[in-house]
Amino acid sequence: MHLPKVGKKVRPPRMMHIRFPLGKTFGLAGDRETQRSILEDLLNFALEGETESIVELPYRWKRP
């Protein structure tokens, strides 16, 4: 299931999408740099009052 397609149908007030496996939203365990970057993006998105309903983050999953 492609979550941005679901978001377009459901139309949430705002949604962030990241191309990571479900359950791995913040990346690999112990990857503090990536986790911090994602968290900062999430907080900036929430605090800026972004009006776009769906934003895709630029991160891509790298197999360990």
PDB file of N, CA and C in Angstrom:
ATOM      1  N   MET A   1       0.841  -1.172   0.000  1.00  0.00           N
ATOM      2  CA  MET A   1       0.000   0.000   0.000  1.00  0.00           C
ATOM      3  C   MET A   1       0.890   1.241   0.000  1.00  0.00           C
ATOM      4  N   HIS A   2       0.584   2.165  -0.856  1.00  0.00           N
ATOM      5  CA  HIS A   2       1.354   3.396  -0.954  1.00  0.00           C
ATOM      6  C   HIS A   2       0.639   4.473  -0.136  1.00  0.00           C
ATOM      7  N   LEU A   3       1.208   4.861   0.991  1.00  0.00           N
ATOM      8  CA  LEU A   3       0.532   5.745   1.930  1.00  0.00           C
ATOM      9  C   LEU A   3       0.160   7.113   1.376  1.00  0.00           C
ATOM     10  N   PRO A   4       0.945   7.760   0.506  1.00  0.00           N
ATOM     11  CA  PRO A   4       0.488   9.040  -0.039  1.00  0.00           C
ATOM     12  C   PRO A   4      -0.835   8.905  -0.812  1.00  0.00           C
ATOM     13  N   LYS A   5      -1.042   7.783  -1.492  1.00  0.00           N
ATOM     14  CA  LYS A   5      -2.321   7.584  -2.189  1.00  0.00           C
ATOM     15  C   LYS A   5      -3.463   7.507  -1.191  1.00  0.00           C
ATOM     16  N   VAL A   6      -3.237   6.825  -0.084  1.00  0.00           N
ATOM     17  CA  VAL A   6      -4.251   6.744   0.963  1.00  0.00           C
ATOM     18  C   VAL A   6      -4.506   8.144   1.527  1.00  0.00           C
ATOM     19  N   GLY A   7      -3.457   8.898   1.759  1.00  0.00           N
ATOM     20  CA  GLY A   7      -3.593  10.256   2.282  1.00  0.00           C
ATOM     21  C   GLY A   7      -4.406  11.148   1.373  1.00  0.00           C
ATOM     22  N   LYS A   8      -4.240  10.998   0.055  1.00  0.00           N
ATOM     23  CA  LYS A   8      -5.026  11.805  -0.882  1.00  0.00           C
ATOM     24  C   LYS A   8      -6.504  11.476  -0.785  1.00  0.00           C
ATOM     25  N   LYS A   9      -6.830  10.217  -0.514  1.00  0.00           N
ATOM     26  CA  LYS A   9      -8.235   9.826  -0.374  1.00  0.00           C
ATOM     27  C   LYS A   9      -8.809  10.269   0.964  1.00  0.00           C
ATOM     28  N   VAL A  10      -8.029  10.117   2.036  1.00  0.00           N
ATOM     29  CA  VAL A  10      -8.496  10.433   3.385  1.00  0.00           C
ATOM     30  C   VAL A  10      -8.457  11.946   3.647  1.00  0.00           C
ATOM     31  N   ARG A  11      -7.482  12.639   3.030  1.00  0.00           N
ATOM     32  CA  ARG A  11      -7.296  14.081   3.140  1.00  0.00           C
ATOM     33  C   ARG A  11      -7.091  14.554   4.579  1.00  0.00           C
ATOM     34  N   PRO A  12      -6.025  14.080   5.231  1.00  0.00           N
ATOM     35  CA  PRO A  12      -5.743  14.562   6.584  1.00  0.00           C
ATOM     36  C   PRO A  12      -5.304  16.027   6.536  1.00  0.00           C
ATOM     37  N   PRO A  13      -5.372  16.751   7.650  1.00  0.00           N
ATOM     38  CA  PRO A  13      -4.942  18.147   7.642  1.00  0.00           C
ATOM     39  C   PRO A  13      -3.477  18.295   7.234  1.00  0.00           C
ATOM     40  N   ARG A  14      -2.664  17.339   7.621  1.00  0.00           N
ATOM     41  CA  ARG A  14      -1.263  17.300   7.170  1.00  0.00           C
ATOM     42  C   ARG A  14      -0.733  15.890   7.380  1.00  0.00           C
ATOM     43  N   MET A  15       0.222  15.524   6.534  1.00  0.00           N
ATOM     44  CA  MET A  15       0.781  14.174   6.589  1.00  0.00           C
ATOM     45  C   MET A  15       2.212  14.217   6.071  1.00  0.00           C
ATOM     46  N   MET A  16       3.110  13.553   6.779  1.00  0.00           N
ATOM     47  CA  MET A  16       4.477  13.403   6.293  1.00  0.00           C
ATOM     48  C   MET A  16       4.679  11.946   5.916  1.00  0.00           C
ATOM     49  N   HIS A  17       5.357  11.741   4.805  1.00  0.00           N
ATOM     50  CA  HIS A  17       5.621  10.387   4.330  1.00  0.00           C
ATOM     51  C   HIS A  17       7.126  10.215   4.190  1.00  0.00           C
ATOM     52  N   ILE A  18       7.597   9.074   4.612  1.00  0.00           N
ATOM     53  CA  ILE A  18       9.016   8.744   4.476  1.00  0.00           C
ATOM     54  C   ILE A  18       9.100   7.335   3.904  1.00  0.00           C
ATOM     55  N   ARG A  19       9.979   7.122   2.949  1.00  0.00           N
ATOM     56  CA  ARG A  19      10.080   5.819   2.280  1.00  0.00           C
ATOM     57  C   ARG A  19      10.951   4.852   3.067  1.00  0.00           C
ATOM     58  N   PHE A  20      10.483   4.530   4.243  1.00  0.00           N
ATOM     59  CA  PHE A  20      11.107   3.533   5.096  1.00  0.00           C
ATOM     60  C   PHE A  20      10.077   2.443   5.348  1.00  0.00           C
ATOM     61  N   PRO A  21      10.516   1.236   5.679  1.00  0.00           N
ATOM     62  CA  PRO A  21       9.561   0.174   6.004  1.00  0.00           C
ATOM     63  C   PRO A  21       8.698   0.569   7.206  1.00  0.00           C
ATOM     64  N   LEU A  22       7.458   0.108   7.207  1.00  0.00           N
ATOM     65  CA  LEU A  22       6.589   0.369   8.346  1.00  0.00           C
ATOM     66  C   LEU A  22       7.257  -0.131   9.617  1.00  0.00           C
ATOM     67  N   GLY A  23       7.172   0.665  10.658  1.00  0.00           N
ATOM     68  CA  GLY A  23       7.802   0.310  11.921  1.00  0.00           C
ATOM     69  C   GLY A  23       9.235   0.808  12.039  1.00  0.00           C
ATOM     70  N   LYS A  24       9.787   1.327  10.955  1.00  0.00           N
ATOM     71  CA  LYS A  24      11.164   1.848  10.965  1.00  0.00           C
ATOM     72  C   LYS A  24      11.161   3.342  10.617  1.00  0.00           C
ATOM     73  N   THR A  25      10.156   4.057  11.086  1.00  0.00           N
ATOM     74  CA  THR A  25       9.928   5.445  10.707  1.00  0.00           C
ATOM     75  C   THR A  25      11.128   6.351  10.913  1.00  0.00           C
ATOM     76  N   PHE A  26      11.898   6.087  11.948  1.00  0.00           N
ATOM     77  CA  PHE A  26      13.049   6.942  12.226  1.00  0.00           C
ATOM     78  C   PHE A  26      14.370   6.311  11.811  1.00  0.00           C
ATOM     79  N   GLY A  27      14.329   5.245  11.027  1.00  0.00           N
ATOM     80  CA  GLY A  27      15.552   4.630  10.537  1.00  0.00           C
ATOM     81  C   GLY A  27      16.045   3.489  11.408  1.00  0.00           C
ATOM     82  N   LEU A  28      17.270   3.121  11.183  1.00  0.00           N
ATOM     83  CA  LEU A  28      17.870   1.999  11.903  1.00  0.00           C
ATOM     84  C   LEU A  28      18.153   2.342  13.360  1.00  0.00           C
ATOM     85  N   ALA A  29      18.042   1.358  14.211  1.00  0.00           N
ATOM     86  CA  ALA A  29      18.377   1.539  15.620  1.00  0.00           C
ATOM     87  C   ALA A  29      19.832   1.980  15.732  1.00  0.00           C
ATOM     88  N   GLY A  30      20.068   3.002  16.524  1.00  0.00           N
ATOM     89  CA  GLY A  30      21.426   3.480  16.733  1.00  0.00           C
ATOM     90  C   GLY A  30      21.903   4.512  15.726  1.00  0.00           C
ATOM     91  N   ASP A  31      21.136   4.780  14.685  1.00  0.00           N
ATOM     92  CA  ASP A  31      21.532   5.778  13.674  1.00  0.00           C
ATOM     93  C   ASP A  31      21.035   7.149  14.136  1.00  0.00           C
ATOM     94  N   ARG A  32      21.718   7.694  15.109  1.00  0.00           N
ATOM     95  CA  ARG A  32      21.278   8.930  15.761  1.00  0.00           C
ATOM     96  C   ARG A  32      21.238  10.116  14.803  1.00  0.00           C
ATOM     97  N   GLU A  33      22.149  10.176  13.866  1.00  0.00           N
ATOM     98  CA  GLU A  33      22.198  11.312  12.943  1.00  0.00           C
ATOM     99  C   GLU A  33      20.922  11.365  12.091  1.00  0.00           C
ATOM    100  N   THR A  34      20.563  10.234  11.488  1.00  0.00           N
ATOM    101  CA  THR A  34      19.343  10.185  10.672  1.00  0.00           C
ATOM    102  C   THR A  34      18.105  10.406  11.531  1.00  0.00           C
ATOM    103  N   GLN A  35      18.062   9.779  12.697  1.00  0.00           N
ATOM    104  CA  GLN A  35      16.915   9.931  13.588  1.00  0.00           C
ATOM    105  C   GLN A  35      16.711  11.390  13.981  1.00  0.00           C
ATOM    106  N   ARG A  36      17.788  12.059  14.298  1.00  0.00           N
ATOM    107  CA  ARG A  36      17.695  13.476  14.691  1.00  0.00           C
ATOM    108  C   ARG A  36      17.225  14.335  13.518  1.00  0.00           C
ATOM    109  N   SER A  37      17.736  14.083  12.328  1.00  0.00           N
ATOM    110  CA  SER A  37      17.332  14.846  11.145  1.00  0.00           C
ATOM    111  C   SER A  37      15.842  14.680  10.862  1.00  0.00           C
ATOM    112  N   ILE A  38      15.364  13.453  10.950  1.00  0.00           N
ATOM    113  CA  ILE A  38      13.946  13.191  10.706  1.00  0.00           C
ATOM    114  C   ILE A  38      13.090  13.889  11.763  1.00  0.00           C
ATOM    115  N   LEU A  39      13.496  13.802  13.006  1.00  0.00           N
ATOM    116  CA  LEU A  39      12.751  14.441  14.084  1.00  0.00           C
ATOM    117  C   LEU A  39      12.724  15.960  13.900  1.00  0.00           C
ATOM    118  N   GLU A  40      13.852  16.548  13.521  1.00  0.00           N
ATOM    119  CA  GLU A  40      13.896  17.995  13.272  1.00  0.00           C
ATOM    120  C   GLU A  40      12.963  18.380  12.125  1.00  0.00           C
ATOM    121  N   ASP A  41      12.953  17.591  11.054  1.00  0.00           N
ATOM    122  CA  ASP A  41      12.046  17.861   9.936  1.00  0.00           C
ATOM    123  C   ASP A  41      10.593  17.787  10.383  1.00  0.00           C
ATOM    124  N   LEU A  42      10.278  16.776  11.178  1.00  0.00           N
ATOM    125  CA  LEU A  42       8.918  16.605  11.691  1.00  0.00           C
ATOM    126  C   LEU A  42       8.502  17.802  12.545  1.00  0.00           C
ATOM    127  N   LEU A  43       9.352  18.215  13.462  1.00  0.00           N
ATOM    128  CA  LEU A  43       9.019  19.343  14.332  1.00  0.00           C
ATOM    129  C   LEU A  43       8.896  20.645  13.544  1.00  0.00           C
ATOM    130  N   ASN A  44       9.804  20.878  12.603  1.00  0.00           N
ATOM    131  CA  ASN A  44       9.708  22.081  11.772  1.00  0.00           C
ATOM    132  C   ASN A  44       8.409  22.101  10.974  1.00  0.00           C
ATOM    133  N   PHE A  45       8.029  20.968  10.439  1.00  0.00           N
ATOM    134  CA  PHE A  45       6.793  20.835   9.678  1.00  0.00           C
ATOM    135  C   PHE A  45       5.594  21.187  10.564  1.00  0.00           C
ATOM    136  N   ALA A  46       5.578  20.670  11.785  1.00  0.00           N
ATOM    137  CA  ALA A  46       4.467  20.915  12.705  1.00  0.00           C
ATOM    138  C   ALA A  46       4.449  22.373  13.179  1.00  0.00           C
ATOM    139  N   LEU A  47       5.607  22.927  13.490  1.00  0.00           N
ATOM    140  CA  LEU A  47       5.673  24.276  14.036  1.00  0.00           C
ATOM    141  C   LEU A  47       5.455  25.371  12.998  1.00  0.00           C
ATOM    142  N   GLU A  48       5.807  25.098  11.754  1.00  0.00           N
ATOM    143  CA  GLU A  48       5.647  26.104  10.709  1.00  0.00           C
ATOM    144  C   GLU A  48       4.210  26.205  10.218  1.00  0.00           C
ATOM    145  N   GLY A  49       3.355  25.289  10.665  1.00  0.00           N
ATOM    146  CA  GLY A  49       1.959  25.324  10.235  1.00  0.00           C
ATOM    147  C   GLY A  49       1.827  25.085   8.740  1.00  0.00           C
ATOM    148  N   GLU A  50       2.621  24.179   8.243  1.00  0.00           N
ATOM    149  CA  GLU A  50       2.626  23.823   6.821  1.00  0.00           C
ATOM    150  C   GLU A  50       1.199  23.570   6.335  1.00  0.00           C
ATOM    151  N   THR A  51       0.855  24.140   5.189  1.00  0.00           N
ATOM    152  CA  THR A  51      -0.505  23.979   4.675  1.00  0.00           C
ATOM    153  C   THR A  51      -0.639  22.844   3.665  1.00  0.00           C
ATOM    154  N   GLU A  52       0.468  22.390   3.118  1.00  0.00           N
ATOM    155  CA  GLU A  52       0.398  21.232   2.213  1.00  0.00           C
ATOM    156  C   GLU A  52      -0.064  20.031   3.006  1.00  0.00           C
ATOM    157  N   SER A  53      -0.981  19.269   2.455  1.00  0.00           N
ATOM    158  CA  SER A  53      -1.503  18.154   3.241  1.00  0.00           C
ATOM    159  C   SER A  53      -0.543  16.963   3.273  1.00  0.00           C
ATOM    160  N   ILE A  54       0.222  16.733   2.196  1.00  0.00           N
ATOM    161  CA  ILE A  54       1.140  15.587   2.165  1.00  0.00           C
ATOM    162  C   ILE A  54       2.528  16.057   1.749  1.00  0.00           C
ATOM    163  N   VAL A  55       3.495  15.783   2.596  1.00  0.00           N
ATOM    164  CA  VAL A  55       4.892  16.124   2.306  1.00  0.00           C
ATOM    165  C   VAL A  55       5.697  14.845   2.370  1.00  0.00           C
ATOM    166  N   GLU A  56       6.499  14.596   1.335  1.00  0.00           N
ATOM    167  CA  GLU A  56       7.359  13.419   1.345  1.00  0.00           C
ATOM    168  C   GLU A  56       8.768  13.845   1.720  1.00  0.00           C
ATOM    169  N   LEU A  57       9.301  13.221   2.761  1.00  0.00           N
ATOM    170  CA  LEU A  57      10.658  13.528   3.180  1.00  0.00           C
ATOM    171  C   LEU A  57      11.657  12.899   2.214  1.00  0.00           C
ATOM    172  N   PRO A  58      12.823  13.512   2.044  1.00  0.00           N
ATOM    173  CA  PRO A  58      13.783  13.064   1.032  1.00  0.00           C
ATOM    174  C   PRO A  58      14.614  11.836   1.417  1.00  0.00           C
ATOM    175  N   TYR A  59      14.398  11.285   2.581  1.00  0.00           N
ATOM    176  CA  TYR A  59      15.214  10.157   3.040  1.00  0.00           C
ATOM    177  C   TYR A  59      14.848   8.880   2.300  1.00  0.00           C
ATOM    178  N   ARG A  60      15.831   8.025   2.056  1.00  0.00           N
ATOM    179  CA  ARG A  60      15.601   6.734   1.404  1.00  0.00           C
ATOM    180  C   ARG A  60      16.212   5.634   2.254  1.00  0.00           C
ATOM    181  N   TRP A  61      15.528   4.534   2.363  1.00  0.00           N
ATOM    182  CA  TRP A  61      15.972   3.395   3.152  1.00  0.00           C
ATOM    183  C   TRP A  61      17.204   2.761   2.533  1.00  0.00           C
ATOM    184  N   LYS A  62      18.200   2.518   3.351  1.00  0.00           N
ATOM    185  CA  LYS A  62      19.416   1.816   2.916  1.00  0.00           C
ATOM    186  C   LYS A  62      19.465   0.510   3.686  1.00  0.00           C
ATOM    187  N   ARG A  63      19.573  -0.567   2.985  1.00  0.00           N
ATOM    188  CA  ARG A  63      19.634  -1.861   3.666  1.00  0.00           C
ATOM    189  C   ARG A  63      20.891  -1.975   4.511  1.00  0.00           C
ATOM    190  N   PRO A  64      20.734  -2.487   5.722  1.00  0.00           N
ATOM    191  CA  PRO A  64      21.908  -2.619   6.604  1.00  0.00           C
ATOM    192  C   PRO A  64      22.851  -3.702   6.122  1.00  0.00           C
TER     193      PRO A  64
END
